[in-house]
């Protein structure tokens, strides 16, 4: 169960970068998403963009922290015979 939650967190982290690129490209600030909060509308655009960037950084930090609770895989001497590319297109 922890492995599935961890993979989901990594997927959300990677996808959030794409979402941030879209939001910054369109020029959406926090005031756009929270129109009822007058304080957010007065913030400079750079503050919104920095906060957007902090989301994937925080999610990455969370995933690194949670990685200690994943299972431990160990390789003993002589177990690994050869390491190949995962995709044969690189041959």
N, C-alpha and C. Protein backbone atom coordinates (compact mmCIF):
# COMPACT_ATOMS: atom_id res chain seq x y z
N UNK A 1 0.82 -1.19 0.00
CA UNK A 1 0.00 0.00 0.00
C UNK A 1 0.87 1.26 0.00
N UNK A 2 1.94 1.23 0.78
CA UNK A 2 2.83 2.40 0.85
C UNK A 2 3.49 2.65 -0.50
N UNK A 3 3.82 1.58 -1.22
CA UNK A 3 4.46 1.71 -2.52
C UNK A 3 3.53 2.41 -3.51
N UNK A 4 2.25 2.08 -3.49
CA UNK A 4 1.28 2.70 -4.40
C UNK A 4 1.11 4.18 -4.04
N UNK A 5 1.00 4.49 -2.77
CA UNK A 5 0.85 5.88 -2.34
C UNK A 5 2.10 6.69 -2.71
N UNK A 6 3.26 6.09 -2.58
CA UNK A 6 4.50 6.77 -2.93
C UNK A 6 4.57 7.05 -4.43
N UNK A 7 4.20 6.08 -5.23
CA UNK A 7 4.19 6.28 -6.69
C UNK A 7 3.18 7.34 -7.09
N UNK A 8 2.05 7.37 -6.44
CA UNK A 8 1.04 8.39 -6.71
C UNK A 8 1.56 9.78 -6.36
N UNK A 9 2.27 9.88 -5.24
CA UNK A 9 2.86 11.16 -4.85
C UNK A 9 3.89 11.61 -5.87
N UNK A 10 4.72 10.71 -6.38
CA UNK A 10 5.70 11.07 -7.40
C UNK A 10 5.02 11.52 -8.69
N UNK A 11 3.92 10.88 -9.04
CA UNK A 11 3.17 11.26 -10.24
C UNK A 11 2.57 12.65 -10.09
N UNK A 12 2.00 12.93 -8.94
CA UNK A 12 1.42 14.26 -8.69
C UNK A 12 2.51 15.32 -8.71
N UNK A 13 3.68 15.01 -8.16
CA UNK A 13 4.79 15.96 -8.16
C UNK A 13 5.22 16.29 -9.58
N UNK A 14 5.37 15.28 -10.42
CA UNK A 14 5.79 15.51 -11.81
C UNK A 14 4.71 16.26 -12.60
N UNK A 15 3.46 15.92 -12.36
CA UNK A 15 2.37 16.58 -13.07
C UNK A 15 2.20 18.02 -12.62
N UNK A 16 2.49 18.31 -11.37
CA UNK A 16 2.35 19.68 -10.88
C UNK A 16 3.30 20.63 -11.60
N UNK A 17 4.44 20.13 -12.04
CA UNK A 17 5.36 20.99 -12.80
C UNK A 17 4.72 21.42 -14.12
N UNK A 18 4.04 20.51 -14.78
CA UNK A 18 3.35 20.86 -16.02
C UNK A 18 2.23 21.87 -15.76
N UNK A 19 1.53 21.69 -14.68
CA UNK A 19 0.45 22.61 -14.32
C UNK A 19 1.00 24.00 -14.02
N UNK A 20 2.14 24.06 -13.35
CA UNK A 20 2.74 25.35 -13.03
C UNK A 20 3.17 26.07 -14.30
N UNK A 21 3.75 25.34 -15.25
CA UNK A 21 4.15 25.95 -16.51
C UNK A 21 2.95 26.55 -17.21
N UNK A 22 1.84 25.83 -17.23
CA UNK A 22 0.62 26.33 -17.86
C UNK A 22 0.10 27.58 -17.16
N UNK A 23 0.04 27.55 -15.83
CA UNK A 23 -0.53 28.66 -15.06
C UNK A 23 0.33 29.91 -15.22
N UNK A 24 1.66 29.74 -15.19
CA UNK A 24 2.54 30.90 -15.34
C UNK A 24 2.46 31.45 -16.76
N UNK A 25 2.39 30.56 -17.74
CA UNK A 25 2.29 31.00 -19.13
C UNK A 25 1.02 31.83 -19.36
N UNK A 26 -0.07 31.41 -18.77
CA UNK A 26 -1.33 32.14 -18.90
C UNK A 26 -1.39 33.39 -18.02
N UNK A 27 -0.46 33.51 -17.07
CA UNK A 27 -0.42 34.69 -16.20
C UNK A 27 -1.41 34.65 -15.06
N UNK A 28 -1.87 33.46 -14.67
CA UNK A 28 -2.81 33.35 -13.56
C UNK A 28 -2.05 33.51 -12.24
N UNK A 29 -2.51 34.41 -11.42
CA UNK A 29 -1.92 34.61 -10.10
C UNK A 29 -2.87 34.04 -9.05
N UNK A 30 -2.44 34.13 -7.80
CA UNK A 30 -3.30 33.63 -6.72
C UNK A 30 -4.60 34.42 -6.64
N UNK A 31 -4.55 35.70 -7.00
CA UNK A 31 -5.76 36.52 -7.00
C UNK A 31 -6.80 36.01 -7.99
N UNK A 32 -6.35 35.38 -9.06
CA UNK A 32 -7.28 34.82 -10.04
C UNK A 32 -8.04 33.62 -9.46
N UNK A 33 -7.34 32.78 -8.71
CA UNK A 33 -7.96 31.58 -8.16
C UNK A 33 -8.78 31.87 -6.89
N UNK A 34 -8.35 32.86 -6.14
CA UNK A 34 -9.03 33.22 -4.89
C UNK A 34 -9.51 34.67 -5.00
N UNK A 35 -10.49 34.90 -5.86
CA UNK A 35 -10.97 36.25 -6.15
C UNK A 35 -11.62 36.92 -4.93
N UNK A 36 -12.15 36.13 -4.01
CA UNK A 36 -12.84 36.71 -2.85
C UNK A 36 -11.87 37.22 -1.79
N UNK A 37 -10.61 36.83 -1.89
CA UNK A 37 -9.60 37.28 -0.94
C UNK A 37 -8.88 38.50 -1.55
N UNK A 38 -9.22 39.68 -1.07
CA UNK A 38 -8.69 40.92 -1.65
C UNK A 38 -7.18 41.04 -1.43
N UNK A 39 -6.67 40.46 -0.35
CA UNK A 39 -5.24 40.56 -0.06
C UNK A 39 -4.41 39.87 -1.14
N UNK A 40 -4.86 38.71 -1.60
CA UNK A 40 -4.11 37.98 -2.62
C UNK A 40 -4.08 38.70 -3.96
N UNK A 41 -5.09 39.49 -4.24
CA UNK A 41 -5.13 40.23 -5.49
C UNK A 41 -4.10 41.36 -5.52
N UNK A 42 -3.69 41.82 -4.34
CA UNK A 42 -2.73 42.92 -4.28
C UNK A 42 -1.28 42.44 -4.29
N UNK A 43 -1.06 41.16 -4.16
CA UNK A 43 0.31 40.64 -4.16
C UNK A 43 0.93 40.77 -5.56
N UNK A 44 2.23 41.01 -5.63
CA UNK A 44 2.89 41.03 -6.94
C UNK A 44 2.83 39.64 -7.59
N UNK A 45 2.90 39.61 -8.90
CA UNK A 45 2.84 38.34 -9.62
C UNK A 45 3.98 37.41 -9.22
N UNK A 46 5.14 37.97 -8.95
CA UNK A 46 6.30 37.15 -8.60
C UNK A 46 6.05 36.32 -7.34
N UNK A 47 5.31 36.88 -6.39
CA UNK A 47 5.00 36.14 -5.16
C UNK A 47 4.15 34.91 -5.50
N UNK A 48 3.19 35.08 -6.37
CA UNK A 48 2.35 33.95 -6.76
C UNK A 48 3.19 32.87 -7.44
N UNK A 49 4.07 33.29 -8.33
CA UNK A 49 4.89 32.33 -9.07
C UNK A 49 5.86 31.60 -8.16
N UNK A 50 6.39 32.30 -7.17
CA UNK A 50 7.28 31.64 -6.20
C UNK A 50 6.51 30.63 -5.38
N UNK A 51 5.30 30.99 -4.96
CA UNK A 51 4.48 30.03 -4.20
C UNK A 51 4.11 28.82 -5.06
N UNK A 52 3.84 29.05 -6.35
CA UNK A 52 3.57 27.93 -7.24
C UNK A 52 4.77 27.00 -7.30
N UNK A 53 5.96 27.57 -7.36
CA UNK A 53 7.18 26.76 -7.46
C UNK A 53 7.46 25.99 -6.17
N UNK A 54 7.02 26.53 -5.06
CA UNK A 54 7.25 25.85 -3.78
C UNK A 54 6.43 24.57 -3.64
N UNK A 55 5.34 24.46 -4.37
CA UNK A 55 4.49 23.26 -4.27
C UNK A 55 5.25 22.00 -4.71
N UNK A 56 5.83 21.94 -5.93
CA UNK A 56 6.55 20.72 -6.28
C UNK A 56 7.82 20.50 -5.46
N UNK A 57 8.42 21.60 -4.98
CA UNK A 57 9.60 21.44 -4.12
C UNK A 57 9.19 20.79 -2.81
N UNK A 58 8.08 21.23 -2.23
CA UNK A 58 7.59 20.63 -0.99
C UNK A 58 7.16 19.19 -1.20
N UNK A 59 6.51 18.91 -2.33
CA UNK A 59 6.11 17.52 -2.61
C UNK A 59 7.32 16.63 -2.83
N UNK A 60 8.36 17.15 -3.45
CA UNK A 60 9.59 16.38 -3.63
C UNK A 60 10.25 16.09 -2.29
N UNK A 61 10.27 17.09 -1.42
CA UNK A 61 10.81 16.88 -0.09
C UNK A 61 10.02 15.85 0.69
N UNK A 62 8.70 15.89 0.55
CA UNK A 62 7.86 14.90 1.21
C UNK A 62 8.13 13.50 0.67
N UNK A 63 8.31 13.37 -0.63
CA UNK A 63 8.58 12.05 -1.20
C UNK A 63 9.94 11.53 -0.77
N UNK A 64 10.93 12.41 -0.65
CA UNK A 64 12.24 11.98 -0.15
C UNK A 64 12.13 11.54 1.30
N UNK A 65 11.37 12.27 2.09
CA UNK A 65 11.18 11.89 3.49
C UNK A 65 10.47 10.55 3.61
N UNK A 66 9.42 10.35 2.81
CA UNK A 66 8.65 9.11 2.90
C UNK A 66 9.39 7.91 2.31
N UNK A 67 10.42 8.15 1.52
CA UNK A 67 11.14 7.03 0.91
C UNK A 67 11.83 6.16 1.95
N UNK A 68 12.07 6.68 3.13
CA UNK A 68 12.71 5.86 4.16
C UNK A 68 11.78 4.76 4.69
N UNK A 69 10.49 4.92 4.44
CA UNK A 69 9.53 3.91 4.90
C UNK A 69 9.23 2.85 3.86
N UNK A 70 9.85 2.95 2.70
CA UNK A 70 9.68 1.92 1.68
C UNK A 70 10.52 0.70 2.03
N UNK A 71 10.26 -0.40 1.37
CA UNK A 71 11.01 -1.62 1.62
C UNK A 71 12.47 -1.46 1.24
N UNK A 72 13.31 -2.23 1.87
CA UNK A 72 14.74 -2.19 1.61
C UNK A 72 15.12 -3.33 0.67
N UNK A 73 15.65 -2.97 -0.47
CA UNK A 73 16.14 -3.97 -1.42
C UNK A 73 17.65 -4.02 -1.33
N UNK A 74 18.17 -5.22 -1.27
CA UNK A 74 19.61 -5.39 -1.18
C UNK A 74 20.07 -6.37 -2.24
N UNK A 75 21.25 -6.12 -2.77
CA UNK A 75 21.88 -7.02 -3.72
C UNK A 75 23.13 -7.59 -3.07
N UNK A 76 23.24 -8.90 -3.11
CA UNK A 76 24.42 -9.55 -2.55
C UNK A 76 25.46 -9.72 -3.64
N UNK A 77 26.68 -9.82 -3.24
CA UNK A 77 27.78 -9.98 -4.19
C UNK A 77 27.54 -11.21 -5.07
N UNK A 78 27.65 -11.04 -6.38
CA UNK A 78 27.47 -12.14 -7.32
C UNK A 78 26.05 -12.30 -7.82
N UNK A 79 25.08 -11.61 -7.23
CA UNK A 79 23.70 -11.71 -7.68
C UNK A 79 23.47 -11.00 -9.00
N UNK A 80 24.08 -9.85 -9.18
CA UNK A 80 23.91 -9.08 -10.40
C UNK A 80 24.99 -9.50 -11.38
N UNK A 81 24.55 -10.05 -12.50
CA UNK A 81 25.50 -10.54 -13.50
C UNK A 81 25.78 -9.46 -14.53
N UNK A 82 24.73 -8.74 -14.96
CA UNK A 82 24.88 -7.76 -16.03
C UNK A 82 23.81 -6.69 -15.87
N UNK A 83 24.17 -5.47 -16.25
CA UNK A 83 23.24 -4.35 -16.22
C UNK A 83 23.05 -3.89 -17.66
N UNK A 84 21.81 -3.90 -18.14
CA UNK A 84 21.50 -3.50 -19.50
C UNK A 84 20.56 -2.29 -19.48
N UNK A 85 20.43 -1.67 -20.65
CA UNK A 85 19.46 -0.59 -20.80
C UNK A 85 18.05 -1.15 -20.63
N UNK A 86 17.16 -0.32 -20.10
CA UNK A 86 15.78 -0.75 -19.94
C UNK A 86 15.02 -0.76 -21.25
N UNK A 87 15.53 -0.04 -22.25
CA UNK A 87 14.86 0.05 -23.54
C UNK A 87 15.87 -0.34 -24.62
N UNK A 88 15.53 -1.29 -25.48
CA UNK A 88 16.51 -1.75 -26.48
C UNK A 88 16.77 -0.72 -27.57
N UNK A 89 16.06 0.41 -27.59
CA UNK A 89 16.29 1.43 -28.61
C UNK A 89 17.63 2.13 -28.43
N UNK A 90 18.26 1.97 -27.29
CA UNK A 90 19.54 2.64 -27.03
C UNK A 90 20.73 1.81 -27.50
N UNK A 91 20.48 0.65 -28.03
CA UNK A 91 21.59 -0.22 -28.47
C UNK A 91 22.27 0.33 -29.69
